[in-house]
Amino acid sequence: MKKYLTLTLLTFTLLLSACSSDSNDDTAQSPEAESNEPGRTINYSLATDIQKLDPHTENVVVNWKVGFNVYDRLVTQNESMDLEPGLATEWQTIDPTTWEFKLRDDVTFHDGTEFNADAVKANLDRSLAEETISPTAYLYDRIEEVEVVDPYTVRFHLSEPFASLPAHLAQYGGSMLSPEVIKEDNEAVANGADPGSIVAEKPIGTGPFKFESWSPGSEIKLVRNEDYWGGAPDIEGVTYKIVPEELTRVADLETQASDIIDSINPNSMEQIENSDAASIIETDSTYVNFLGFNTNKKPFDDIRVRQAISMAIDKDVIVDSILNGIGTVANSPLSPNDFGFADVDALPFDPDAAKELLEEAGQSNLTLELSVNDDRTRVDIATYIQQALQDIGVTVEISQMEFASFVEYTGQGEADLFLLGRSSPTGDGYNALFTILHSNKQSSNQLRYTYANPEFDQLVDQSIQTEDEAERNALFQEAQDIVANDVPFDFLYYPVDLLGVSDQITGVKTLPSGVVLLKDVKVVDQ
């Protein structure tokens, strides 16, 4: 039997304290671009298609899996979520509200445009512009001004102290786009086009792979960047194939039609494990899967209904029977791998109490729609929830759709209930709590994530204004207690990220946030 390749998330560090002191290590931080004979193009089967590779207007995990290989950021994260230099070689605080970043001077975008401080300013200005409608603007909205000090030095002037800035700049929303493409896109927006319309056609970054083509619903093609500042990749390129059916993805891996597959159902692990063609990379993640309530619609504006549905679902059944024990029961919007996670007292499994709550709320005979995308595991969970709620007199009609349609439908606030998940790209409680729970959450999710509680908002806002870890933990604890009582979501389980990888390749790197890095992939001689 094959052994799992296990990556364990270590302690997340908000600030890279050694960053400035180690910045003179040219060997570590300034790899020379090198040319090498490329291996073949590898095939990567994705369960869902991307939206568009615009890090400033789209923010879903599948985009990260592709986009992190096209774009670079000022700061990077390693497999333990520690911060490391990227396009910035070092950074420091000048005063509590001013950060200075020194930039690499040997980087060009895929279109030949020079990477410099002006490019950084163009990217942050676009991300924060109201007309961009960026779902990740909240990561950077404390930046009041981006100052170009010299061609390779940039300063961020903040509205208030913000210790997490380097960690936020390491996220997908901090990806650097060619300023020439930004200029074209801004001009198109001024003439009435949607933000990102030009970027969708020209996703030009500085990363190890260049975008070649995208056939929506079919495949995305990347080719290696021969001039990559960190050394050209060993492989010729990557073809991401959209394969929604999990059994087909597994079969493709076993027959070596695919080198990598994602979204593996735990029930398929043994099949892959016993094959002679592939192994599994098993990564502790910052992900949490949940059942979402549309609190803008009746009857979910009544806390008793939300509590009743939560108490009718046995999460142990989900983890033990559907996930085969690959995961743990959730009780919080934060994962155990997020800074600030608290083991709060979630509502117990108690169908009898659930029935009483529904009767008290005058909702004894409900018929509800549960929306789910075509992920096999989520469909299995939806079927279980349908059966569990039937036991308390609630009829559930499952509405299954492909991922893009699901995102659009739930984003319009149409669903009663929906199954989804969120990953914390920073590994910090603020990001995880703000994204789906704060009332000032990004506009693109306002109708999907409808919860609002002023007391909760105040706690989350305070958490980002202090650098004291004990104080932040206390604020996060109180915020999680509020959510556990209000039940705007029923947090179901913390998954383990499973990636199937062919024995014909090595060097795949996965991050707990769901990112898959392919720069160091090599084809093994067979």
Protein backbone atom coordinates (compact mmCIF):
# COMPACT_ATOMS: atom_id res chain seq x y z
CA MET A 1 0.00 0.00 0.00
CA LYS A 2 1.19 3.48 -0.77
CA LYS A 3 1.92 5.84 2.05
CA TYR A 4 0.15 9.17 2.15
CA LEU A 5 2.31 12.21 1.67
CA THR A 6 1.20 14.30 4.63
CA LEU A 7 1.78 18.02 5.06
CA THR A 8 1.08 19.41 8.53
CA LEU A 9 0.16 23.01 9.05
CA LEU A 10 2.49 24.54 11.59
CA THR A 11 1.95 27.71 13.57
CA PHE A 12 0.93 30.58 11.33
CA THR A 13 3.10 33.67 11.70
CA LEU A 14 1.49 37.06 11.10
CA LEU A 15 4.80 38.84 10.77
CA LEU A 16 8.04 37.50 9.39
CA SER A 17 10.27 38.81 12.15
CA ALA A 18 13.44 37.66 10.44
CA CYS A 19 12.51 39.23 7.13
CA SER A 20 14.64 42.35 7.34
CA SER A 21 17.62 40.72 9.01
CA ASP A 22 17.78 37.98 6.37
CA SER A 23 17.22 40.26 3.42
CA ASN A 24 20.89 40.41 2.48
CA ASP A 25 21.06 36.68 1.81
CA ASP A 26 21.27 36.92 -1.97
CA THR A 27 21.64 33.17 -2.35
CA ALA A 28 18.32 32.50 -0.64
CA GLN A 29 16.36 35.40 -2.05
CA SER A 30 17.74 36.06 -5.49
CA PRO A 31 17.71 32.82 -7.51
CA GLU A 32 19.22 33.31 -10.92
CA ALA A 33 16.94 32.71 -13.86
CA GLU A 34 18.08 29.58 -15.58
CA SER A 35 17.16 27.77 -18.77
CA ASN A 36 16.68 24.03 -18.87
CA GLU A 37 15.30 21.50 -21.30
CA PRO A 38 11.61 21.26 -20.49
CA GLY A 39 9.83 18.03 -19.70
CA ARG A 40 6.43 17.36 -21.19
CA THR A 41 3.25 19.28 -20.48
CA ILE A 42 1.44 17.79 -17.50
CA ASN A 43 -2.33 17.30 -17.25
CA TYR A 44 -4.28 18.45 -14.21
CA SER A 45 -7.97 17.49 -13.87
CA LEU A 46 -10.06 20.08 -12.04
CA ALA A 47 -13.53 19.31 -10.69
CA THR A 48 -14.76 22.82 -11.51
CA ASP A 49 -13.87 25.46 -14.05
CA ILE A 50 -12.27 28.78 -13.19
CA GLN A 51 -14.26 32.00 -13.52
CA LYS A 52 -11.68 34.37 -14.96
CA LEU A 53 -8.04 34.74 -13.97
CA ASP A 54 -8.43 38.23 -12.57
CA PRO A 55 -7.23 38.23 -8.94
CA HIS A 56 -8.83 41.62 -8.31
CA THR A 57 -12.37 40.68 -9.37
CA GLU A 58 -12.69 36.94 -8.71
CA ASN A 59 -11.89 35.06 -5.52
CA VAL A 60 -12.69 31.34 -5.51
CA VAL A 61 -10.30 28.55 -4.58
CA VAL A 62 -10.20 26.98 -8.04
CA ASN A 63 -8.92 30.31 -9.39
CA TRP A 64 -6.12 30.21 -6.81
CA LYS A 65 -5.05 26.75 -7.99
CA VAL A 66 -4.45 28.10 -11.49
CA GLY A 67 -3.70 31.76 -10.82
CA PHE A 68 -0.96 31.20 -8.25
CA ASN A 69 1.08 29.67 -11.07
CA VAL A 70 0.55 32.68 -13.37
CA TYR A 71 0.95 35.55 -10.92
CA ASP A 72 3.44 36.44 -8.20
CA ARG A 73 2.86 38.51 -5.08
CA LEU A 74 5.09 40.77 -3.02
CA VAL A 75 5.08 38.22 -0.22
CA THR A 76 4.74 34.44 -0.47
CA GLN A 77 3.79 31.63 1.89
CA ASN A 78 5.51 28.30 2.25
CA GLU A 79 3.84 24.97 2.99
CA SER A 80 3.67 25.87 6.69
CA MET A 81 2.01 29.22 5.89
CA ASP A 82 5.08 31.14 7.05
CA LEU A 83 5.78 34.36 5.14
CA GLU A 84 8.70 34.61 2.75
CA PRO A 85 9.99 37.20 0.24
CA GLY A 86 8.41 37.13 -3.20
CA LEU A 87 8.54 40.13 -5.52
CA ALA A 88 9.54 42.10 -2.43
CA THR A 89 12.94 41.28 -0.97
CA GLU A 90 12.29 42.86 2.44
CA TRP A 91 9.79 44.97 4.33
CA GLN A 92 9.58 46.96 7.53
CA THR A 93 7.40 49.44 9.41
CA ILE A 94 8.58 53.06 9.22
CA ASP A 95 6.00 54.04 11.82
CA PRO A 96 2.78 52.35 13.09
CA THR A 97 0.85 53.31 9.94
CA THR A 98 3.58 53.18 7.28
CA TRP A 99 5.06 50.05 5.72
CA GLU A 100 8.00 50.10 3.29
CA PHE A 101 8.70 47.30 0.81
CA LYS A 102 11.91 46.86 -1.20
CA LEU A 103 11.28 45.24 -4.59
CA ARG A 104 13.23 42.94 -6.87
CA ASP A 105 14.88 44.75 -9.78
CA ASP A 106 15.17 41.79 -12.18
CA VAL A 107 11.53 40.94 -12.93
CA THR A 108 9.45 41.47 -16.06
CA PHE A 109 5.83 40.66 -16.78
CA HIS A 110 4.97 38.08 -19.43
CA ASP A 111 4.36 40.91 -21.92
CA GLY A 112 7.84 42.35 -21.33
CA THR A 113 6.68 45.22 -19.10
CA GLU A 114 9.04 45.96 -16.21
CA PHE A 115 7.94 45.12 -12.69
CA ASN A 116 8.59 48.07 -10.39
CA ALA A 117 7.01 50.32 -7.77
CA ASP A 118 4.71 51.92 -10.35
CA ALA A 119 3.35 48.46 -11.16
CA VAL A 120 2.66 47.80 -7.48
CA LYS A 121 0.80 51.09 -7.17
CA ALA A 122 -1.26 50.38 -10.30
CA ASN A 123 -2.31 47.00 -8.89
CA LEU A 124 -3.29 48.20 -5.41
CA ASP A 125 -5.04 51.26 -6.81
CA ARG A 126 -7.10 49.03 -9.11
CA SER A 127 -7.93 46.58 -6.34
CA LEU A 128 -9.18 49.38 -4.09
CA ALA A 129 -11.06 51.33 -6.76
CA GLU A 130 -14.83 51.26 -6.23
CA GLU A 131 -15.50 50.53 -9.89
CA THR A 132 -13.43 47.32 -9.68
CA ILE A 133 -15.88 45.83 -7.16
CA SER A 134 -13.08 43.66 -5.81
CA PRO A 135 -14.11 40.81 -3.49
CA THR A 136 -10.68 41.04 -1.84
CA ALA A 137 -10.58 44.82 -1.34
CA TYR A 138 -11.28 44.24 2.36
CA LEU A 139 -7.80 42.76 2.64
CA TYR A 140 -6.26 46.10 1.69
CA ASP A 141 -8.85 48.73 2.58
CA ARG A 142 -6.69 50.20 5.34
CA ILE A 143 -4.26 51.36 2.65
CA GLU A 144 -4.96 55.07 2.12
CA GLU A 145 -2.09 55.74 -0.26
CA VAL A 146 0.51 53.78 -2.20
CA GLU A 147 3.62 55.93 -2.48
CA VAL A 148 6.32 55.29 -5.08
CA VAL A 149 9.53 56.20 -3.23
CA ASP A 150 11.85 55.15 -6.05
CA PRO A 151 11.64 52.57 -8.86
CA TYR A 152 12.13 49.67 -6.45
CA THR A 153 10.75 51.01 -3.17
CA VAL A 154 7.08 51.40 -2.31
CA ARG A 155 5.39 52.62 0.86
CA PHE A 156 1.88 51.83 2.05
CA HIS A 157 0.32 54.58 4.16
CA LEU A 158 -2.45 53.12 6.32
CA SER A 159 -5.48 54.57 8.04
CA GLU A 160 -4.59 52.64 11.22
CA PRO A 161 -2.00 50.10 12.41
CA PHE A 162 -2.35 46.83 10.55
CA ALA A 163 0.08 44.11 11.56
CA SER A 164 -1.38 41.61 9.09
CA LEU A 165 -0.53 43.60 5.95
CA PRO A 166 2.32 41.32 4.75
CA ALA A 167 0.11 38.25 5.22
CA HIS A 168 -2.70 39.88 3.26
CA LEU A 169 -0.33 40.87 0.45
CA ALA A 170 0.59 37.18 0.12
CA GLN A 171 -2.97 36.32 -0.88
CA TYR A 172 -4.41 35.89 -4.37
CA GLY A 173 -5.87 39.40 -4.31
CA GLY A 174 -2.31 40.70 -3.93
CA SER A 175 -1.23 39.17 -7.24
CA MET A 176 0.61 41.52 -9.58
CA LEU A 177 -0.93 42.12 -13.03
CA SER A 178 0.83 43.83 -15.92
CA PRO A 179 0.16 47.58 -15.61
CA GLU A 180 -0.41 47.70 -19.37
CA VAL A 181 -3.30 45.26 -19.01
CA ILE A 182 -4.63 47.22 -16.04
CA LYS A 183 -4.59 50.37 -18.14
CA GLU A 184 -6.53 48.64 -20.93
CA ASP A 185 -9.04 47.19 -18.50
CA ASN A 186 -9.58 50.54 -16.76
CA GLU A 187 -10.23 52.18 -20.13
CA ALA A 188 -12.73 49.46 -21.02
CA VAL A 189 -14.54 49.95 -17.70
CA ALA A 190 -14.70 53.70 -18.34
CA ASN A 191 -16.43 52.87 -21.64
CA GLY A 192 -19.01 50.64 -19.97
CA ALA A 193 -17.37 47.21 -19.91
CA ASP A 194 -17.40 44.96 -16.86
CA PRO A 195 -14.29 45.05 -14.64
CA GLY A 196 -11.91 42.29 -15.69
CA SER A 197 -13.16 41.93 -19.25
CA ILE A 198 -9.70 42.67 -20.65
CA VAL A 199 -7.87 40.78 -17.90
CA ALA A 200 -9.91 37.67 -18.73
CA GLU A 201 -8.35 37.75 -22.21
CA LYS A 202 -4.89 38.79 -21.03
CA PRO A 203 -4.11 37.41 -17.55
CA ILE A 204 -0.50 38.58 -17.66
CA GLY A 205 1.62 38.23 -14.54
CA THR A 206 5.24 37.56 -13.64
CA GLY A 207 4.77 33.94 -12.54
CA PRO A 208 6.52 30.72 -13.60
CA PHE A 209 3.84 29.94 -16.19
CA LYS A 210 2.26 32.06 -18.91
CA PHE A 211 -1.41 31.91 -19.83
CA GLU A 212 -1.95 30.48 -23.31
CA SER A 213 -5.69 29.81 -23.65
CA TRP A 214 -8.95 29.09 -21.87
CA SER A 215 -11.86 27.15 -23.37
CA PRO A 216 -14.60 27.59 -20.74
CA GLY A 217 -15.94 24.28 -19.52
CA SER A 218 -13.14 22.41 -21.24
CA GLU A 219 -9.54 23.38 -20.43
CA ILE A 220 -7.00 26.04 -19.48
CA LYS A 221 -3.50 25.93 -20.96
CA LEU A 222 -0.36 27.41 -19.41
CA VAL A 223 3.17 27.30 -20.83
CA ARG A 224 6.39 27.70 -18.95
CA ASN A 225 7.96 31.14 -18.55
CA GLU A 226 11.46 30.74 -19.97
CA ASP A 227 12.51 34.02 -18.38
CA TYR A 228 11.10 33.46 -14.92
CA TRP A 229 13.13 35.36 -12.33
CA GLY A 230 13.15 32.33 -10.05
CA GLY A 231 14.36 29.93 -12.73
CA ALA A 232 12.25 28.42 -15.50
CA PRO A 233 10.03 25.47 -14.57
CA ASP A 234 11.22 22.02 -15.52
CA ILE A 235 8.02 21.09 -17.33
CA GLU A 236 6.85 22.51 -20.65
CA GLY A 237 3.46 23.56 -19.36
CA VAL A 238 0.20 22.61 -17.66
CA THR A 239 -3.15 21.74 -19.21
CA TYR A 240 -5.99 21.99 -16.72
CA LYS A 241 -8.88 19.83 -17.91
CA ILE A 242 -12.37 20.39 -16.50
CA VAL A 243 -13.64 16.96 -15.40
CA PRO A 244 -16.67 17.31 -13.11
CA GLU A 245 -17.18 13.56 -12.60
CA GLU A 246 -14.96 12.34 -9.78
CA LEU A 247 -14.94 8.71 -10.94
CA THR A 248 -13.66 9.89 -14.32
CA ARG A 249 -10.92 11.93 -12.66
CA VAL A 250 -9.82 8.89 -10.63
CA ALA A 251 -9.84 6.68 -13.73
CA ASP A 252 -7.78 9.28 -15.63
CA LEU A 253 -5.21 9.29 -12.82
CA GLU A 254 -4.96 5.49 -12.80
CA THR A 255 -4.53 5.32 -16.57
CA GLN A 256 -2.02 8.22 -16.50
CA ALA A 257 -4.27 10.39 -18.65
CA SER A 258 -4.00 12.89 -15.81
CA ASP A 259 -0.98 13.67 -13.65
CA ILE A 260 -2.93 15.48 -10.92
CA ILE A 261 -6.58 15.37 -9.85
CA ASP A 262 -8.37 17.35 -7.17
CA SER A 263 -11.62 17.11 -5.15
CA ILE A 264 -11.14 13.48 -4.21
CA ASN A 265 -13.95 11.83 -2.29
CA PRO A 266 -12.55 9.97 0.76
CA ASN A 267 -14.29 6.84 -0.56
CA SER A 268 -11.85 6.89 -3.50
CA MET A 269 -8.72 7.03 -1.36
CA GLU A 270 -8.25 3.28 -1.05
CA GLN A 271 -8.61 2.80 -4.81
CA ILE A 272 -5.89 5.36 -5.48
CA GLU A 273 -3.77 4.11 -2.60
CA ASN A 274 -3.79 0.56 -3.99
CA SER A 275 -3.06 1.59 -7.56
CA ASP A 276 0.37 1.26 -9.13
CA ALA A 277 0.09 4.65 -10.78
CA ALA A 278 -0.45 7.34 -8.14
CA SER A 279 -0.31 8.52 -4.55
CA ILE A 280 -2.29 10.95 -2.44
CA ILE A 281 -1.03 14.20 -0.99
CA GLU A 282 -3.05 14.71 2.17
CA THR A 283 -2.90 18.27 3.52
CA ASP A 284 -4.31 19.68 6.71
CA SER A 285 -6.30 22.69 5.55
CA THR A 286 -7.75 25.99 6.71
CA TYR A 287 -11.05 25.00 5.13
CA VAL A 288 -14.44 24.58 6.80
CA ASN A 289 -17.55 23.25 5.07
CA PHE A 290 -20.95 24.51 6.14
CA LEU A 291 -24.69 24.60 5.56
CA GLY A 292 -25.66 28.19 4.80
CA PHE A 293 -28.98 29.77 5.80
CA ASN A 294 -30.48 32.64 3.85
CA THR A 295 -31.26 34.81 6.86
CA ASN A 296 -32.93 37.39 4.61
CA LYS A 297 -35.72 34.93 3.83
CA LYS A 298 -38.39 33.44 6.02
CA PRO A 299 -38.29 31.22 7.98
CA PHE A 300 -34.51 31.63 8.44
CA ASP A 301 -34.89 35.08 9.94
CA ASP A 302 -36.06 33.16 13.03
CA ILE A 303 -33.12 31.91 15.09
CA ARG A 304 -35.21 29.00 16.37
CA VAL A 305 -35.57 27.58 12.86
CA ARG A 306 -31.83 27.80 12.24
CA GLN A 307 -31.09 26.18 15.59
CA ALA A 308 -33.61 23.42 14.94
CA ILE A 309 -32.12 22.49 11.57
CA SER A 310 -28.63 22.49 13.07
CA MET A 311 -29.72 20.22 15.92
CA ALA A 312 -31.31 17.75 13.48
CA ILE A 313 -27.99 17.09 11.69
CA ASP A 314 -25.60 14.55 13.17
CA LYS A 315 -22.17 15.77 12.10
CA ASP A 316 -20.54 12.54 13.26
CA VAL A 317 -22.53 10.70 10.59
CA ILE A 318 -21.14 13.07 7.96
CA VAL A 319 -17.53 12.61 9.08
CA ASP A 320 -17.65 8.88 9.85
CA SER A 321 -19.99 7.56 7.14
CA ILE A 322 -19.65 10.00 4.24
CA LEU A 323 -16.03 11.13 4.72
CA ASN A 324 -14.76 7.78 6.04
CA GLY A 325 -13.21 9.62 8.97
CA ILE A 326 -11.09 11.87 6.73
CA GLY A 327 -11.93 15.13 8.47
CA THR A 328 -13.21 16.33 11.84
CA VAL A 329 -16.51 17.71 13.13
CA ALA A 330 -16.65 21.51 12.96
CA ASN A 331 -17.97 23.87 15.61
CA SER A 332 -16.66 27.25 14.41
CA PRO A 333 -16.18 29.40 11.30
CA LEU A 334 -12.45 29.13 12.05
CA SER A 335 -10.50 25.96 11.43
CA PRO A 336 -8.16 24.54 14.08
CA ASN A 337 -5.33 25.73 11.81
CA ASP A 338 -6.44 29.37 11.97
CA PHE A 339 -4.96 31.77 14.49
CA GLY A 340 -7.71 32.58 17.01
CA PHE A 341 -9.59 29.28 16.76
CA ALA A 342 -11.64 28.53 19.87
CA ASP A 343 -13.28 25.22 20.75
CA VAL A 344 -16.73 26.73 21.29
CA ASP A 345 -19.84 24.90 22.48
CA ALA A 346 -21.87 24.28 19.35
CA LEU A 347 -25.47 23.09 19.46
CA PRO A 348 -25.78 19.33 20.14
CA PHE A 349 -27.44 16.75 17.92
CA ASP A 350 -30.94 16.57 19.41
CA PRO A 351 -33.82 15.85 16.99
CA ASP A 352 -36.45 15.97 19.73
CA ALA A 353 -35.37 19.45 20.81
CA ALA A 354 -35.29 20.44 17.13
CA LYS A 355 -38.95 19.44 16.71
CA GLU A 356 -39.91 21.46 19.78
CA LEU A 357 -38.15 24.55 18.43
CA LEU A 358 -39.97 24.27 15.10
CA GLU A 359 -43.32 23.91 16.85
CA GLU A 360 -42.50 26.91 19.04
CA ALA A 361 -41.67 28.92 15.90
CA GLY A 362 -44.90 27.79 14.22
CA GLN A 363 -42.95 26.03 11.46
CA SER A 364 -43.86 22.37 11.82
CA ASN A 365 -44.38 21.56 8.12
CA LEU A 366 -41.64 23.23 6.13
CA THR A 367 -40.59 22.57 2.55
CA LEU A 368 -37.13 23.93 1.76
CA GLU A 369 -34.76 24.04 -1.19
CA LEU A 370 -31.18 22.91 -0.59
CA SER A 371 -28.81 24.11 -3.32
CA VAL A 372 -25.62 22.19 -4.00
CA ASN A 373 -23.05 22.02 -6.78
CA ASP A 374 -22.17 18.75 -8.47
CA ASP A 375 -19.33 17.81 -6.13
CA ARG A 376 -19.86 14.17 -5.19
CA THR A 377 -19.19 14.62 -1.48
CA ARG A 378 -21.52 17.60 -1.17
CA VAL A 379 -24.26 15.74 -3.02
CA ASP A 380 -23.88 12.85 -0.57
CA ILE A 381 -24.09 15.28 2.35
CA ALA A 382 -27.16 16.95 0.85
CA THR A 383 -28.85 13.57 0.59
CA TYR A 384 -28.07 12.83 4.24
CA ILE A 385 -29.40 16.26 5.33
CA GLN A 386 -32.58 15.61 3.34
CA GLN A 387 -33.10 12.37 5.28
CA ALA A 388 -32.18 13.91 8.64
CA LEU A 389 -34.58 16.83 8.28
CA GLN A 390 -37.37 14.52 7.18
CA ASP A 391 -37.14 13.02 10.69
CA ILE A 392 -38.19 16.38 12.17
CA GLY A 393 -40.95 16.97 9.65
CA VAL A 394 -39.04 19.17 7.19
CA THR A 395 -39.18 18.34 3.49
CA VAL A 396 -35.99 19.16 1.59
CA GLU A 397 -35.85 19.42 -2.19
CA ILE A 398 -32.27 19.18 -3.47
CA SER A 399 -31.34 21.51 -6.33
CA GLN A 400 -28.09 20.31 -7.90
CA MET A 401 -26.23 22.40 -10.49
CA GLU A 402 -22.76 22.82 -11.95
CA PHE A 403 -20.44 25.07 -9.96
CA ALA A 404 -20.62 28.31 -11.99
CA SER A 405 -24.42 28.24 -11.98
CA PHE A 406 -24.41 27.41 -8.28
CA VAL A 407 -22.17 30.38 -7.48
CA GLU A 408 -24.37 32.72 -9.51
CA TYR A 409 -27.63 31.39 -8.07
CA THR A 410 -26.58 31.55 -4.42
CA GLY A 411 -24.84 34.89 -5.01
CA GLN A 412 -28.17 36.36 -6.09
CA GLY A 413 -29.70 35.39 -2.74
CA GLU A 414 -32.11 32.89 -4.29
CA ALA A 415 -31.31 29.77 -2.25
CA ASP A 416 -33.01 28.77 0.99
CA LEU A 417 -30.16 26.54 2.11
CA PHE A 418 -26.85 25.85 0.41
CA LEU A 419 -23.75 23.75 0.97
CA LEU A 420 -20.43 25.51 0.54
CA GLY A 421 -17.10 26.05 2.27
CA ARG A 422 -14.52 28.72 2.83
CA SER A 423 -10.76 28.65 3.06
CA SER A 424 -8.80 31.14 5.14
CA PRO A 425 -5.94 32.19 2.84
CA THR A 426 -4.13 34.07 5.61
CA GLY A 427 -4.54 31.46 8.34
CA ASP A 428 -5.74 34.31 10.57
CA GLY A 429 -9.07 34.57 12.34
CA TYR A 430 -9.84 38.04 11.04
CA ASN A 431 -9.98 36.95 7.42
CA ALA A 432 -12.11 33.90 8.16
CA LEU A 433 -14.60 35.80 10.32
CA PHE A 434 -14.86 38.87 8.10
CA THR A 435 -15.34 37.09 4.79
CA ILE A 436 -18.71 35.48 5.43
CA LEU A 437 -19.93 36.99 8.70
CA HIS A 438 -19.10 40.70 8.95
CA SER A 439 -21.91 43.01 7.81
CA ASN A 440 -19.41 44.98 5.71
CA LYS A 441 -18.32 41.87 3.82
CA GLN A 442 -17.41 42.14 0.15
CA SER A 443 -20.28 43.24 -2.06
CA SER A 444 -20.17 40.21 -4.35
CA ASN A 445 -21.19 37.98 -1.44
CA GLN A 446 -23.71 40.26 0.25
CA LEU A 447 -26.72 38.30 -0.99
CA ARG A 448 -25.19 34.90 -0.33
CA TYR A 449 -23.87 35.70 3.14
CA THR A 450 -26.65 37.75 4.72
CA TYR A 451 -25.78 37.58 8.41
CA ALA A 452 -25.29 40.87 10.27
CA ASN A 453 -24.69 41.43 13.99
CA PRO A 454 -23.27 44.79 15.22
CA GLU A 455 -21.76 43.23 18.35
CA PHE A 456 -19.96 40.65 16.23
CA ASP A 457 -18.76 43.36 13.82
CA GLN A 458 -17.28 45.38 16.66
CA LEU A 459 -15.28 42.43 17.96
CA VAL A 460 -13.88 41.59 14.53
CA ASP A 461 -12.98 45.24 13.87
CA GLN A 462 -11.16 45.44 17.20
CA SER A 463 -9.19 42.29 16.42
CA ILE A 464 -7.36 43.91 13.52
CA GLN A 465 -6.48 47.06 15.45
CA THR A 466 -4.27 45.35 18.02
CA GLU A 467 -1.07 43.35 17.73
CA ASP A 468 -1.44 41.74 21.18
CA GLU A 469 -2.07 38.03 20.53
CA ALA A 470 -3.80 37.37 23.85
CA GLU A 471 -6.18 40.27 23.27
CA ARG A 472 -6.90 39.14 19.72
CA ASN A 473 -7.58 35.60 20.91
CA ALA A 474 -10.05 36.88 23.49
CA LEU A 475 -11.87 38.93 20.86
CA PHE A 476 -12.00 35.96 18.48
CA GLN A 477 -13.32 33.72 21.26
CA GLU A 478 -16.20 36.09 22.00
CA ALA A 479 -17.00 36.49 18.30
CA GLN A 480 -17.12 32.71 17.80
CA ASP A 481 -19.42 32.33 20.83
CA ILE A 482 -21.87 34.78 19.23
CA VAL A 483 -21.86 32.85 15.96
CA ALA A 484 -22.36 29.54 17.76
CA ASN A 485 -25.52 30.95 19.34
CA ASP A 486 -26.89 32.81 16.31
CA VAL A 487 -26.28 29.92 13.87
CA PRO A 488 -26.12 31.93 10.62
CA PHE A 489 -24.39 28.82 9.28
CA ASP A 490 -24.23 25.26 10.49
CA PHE A 491 -20.50 24.52 10.37
CA LEU A 492 -20.33 20.83 9.49
CA TYR A 493 -16.74 19.63 9.21
CA TYR A 494 -13.11 20.50 8.68
CA PRO A 495 -11.90 18.58 5.62
CA VAL A 496 -8.48 17.24 4.77
CA ASP A 497 -7.43 18.37 1.31
CA LEU A 498 -6.80 15.34 -0.92
CA LEU A 499 -4.82 15.61 -4.14
CA GLY A 500 -4.13 12.65 -6.39
CA VAL A 501 -0.67 12.77 -7.98
CA SER A 502 0.79 10.47 -10.62
CA ASP A 503 3.98 8.58 -9.81
CA GLN A 504 5.33 10.02 -13.07
CA ILE A 505 5.86 13.44 -11.49
CA THR A 506 7.41 14.92 -8.36
CA GLY A 507 7.61 18.38 -6.82
CA VAL A 508 3.92 19.25 -6.38
CA LYS A 509 3.49 21.66 -3.46
CA THR A 510 0.18 22.21 -1.71
CA LEU A 511 -0.67 24.92 0.80
CA PRO A 512 -3.29 24.60 3.56
CA SER A 513 -5.26 27.38 1.86
CA GLY A 514 -5.93 25.11 -1.15
CA VAL A 515 -3.21 26.54 -3.39
CA VAL A 516 -1.32 24.05 -5.60
CA LEU A 517 2.12 25.21 -6.79
CA LEU A 518 3.62 23.57 -9.89
CA LYS A 519 6.83 25.52 -10.49
CA ASP A 520 9.05 22.72 -9.11
CA VAL A 521 7.25 19.80 -10.80
CA LYS A 522 9.51 17.38 -12.64
CA VAL A 523 8.66 14.42 -14.86
CA VAL A 524 10.19 11.22 -13.52
CA ASP A 525 11.88 8.85 -15.96
CA GLN A 526 9.78 5.71 -16.25
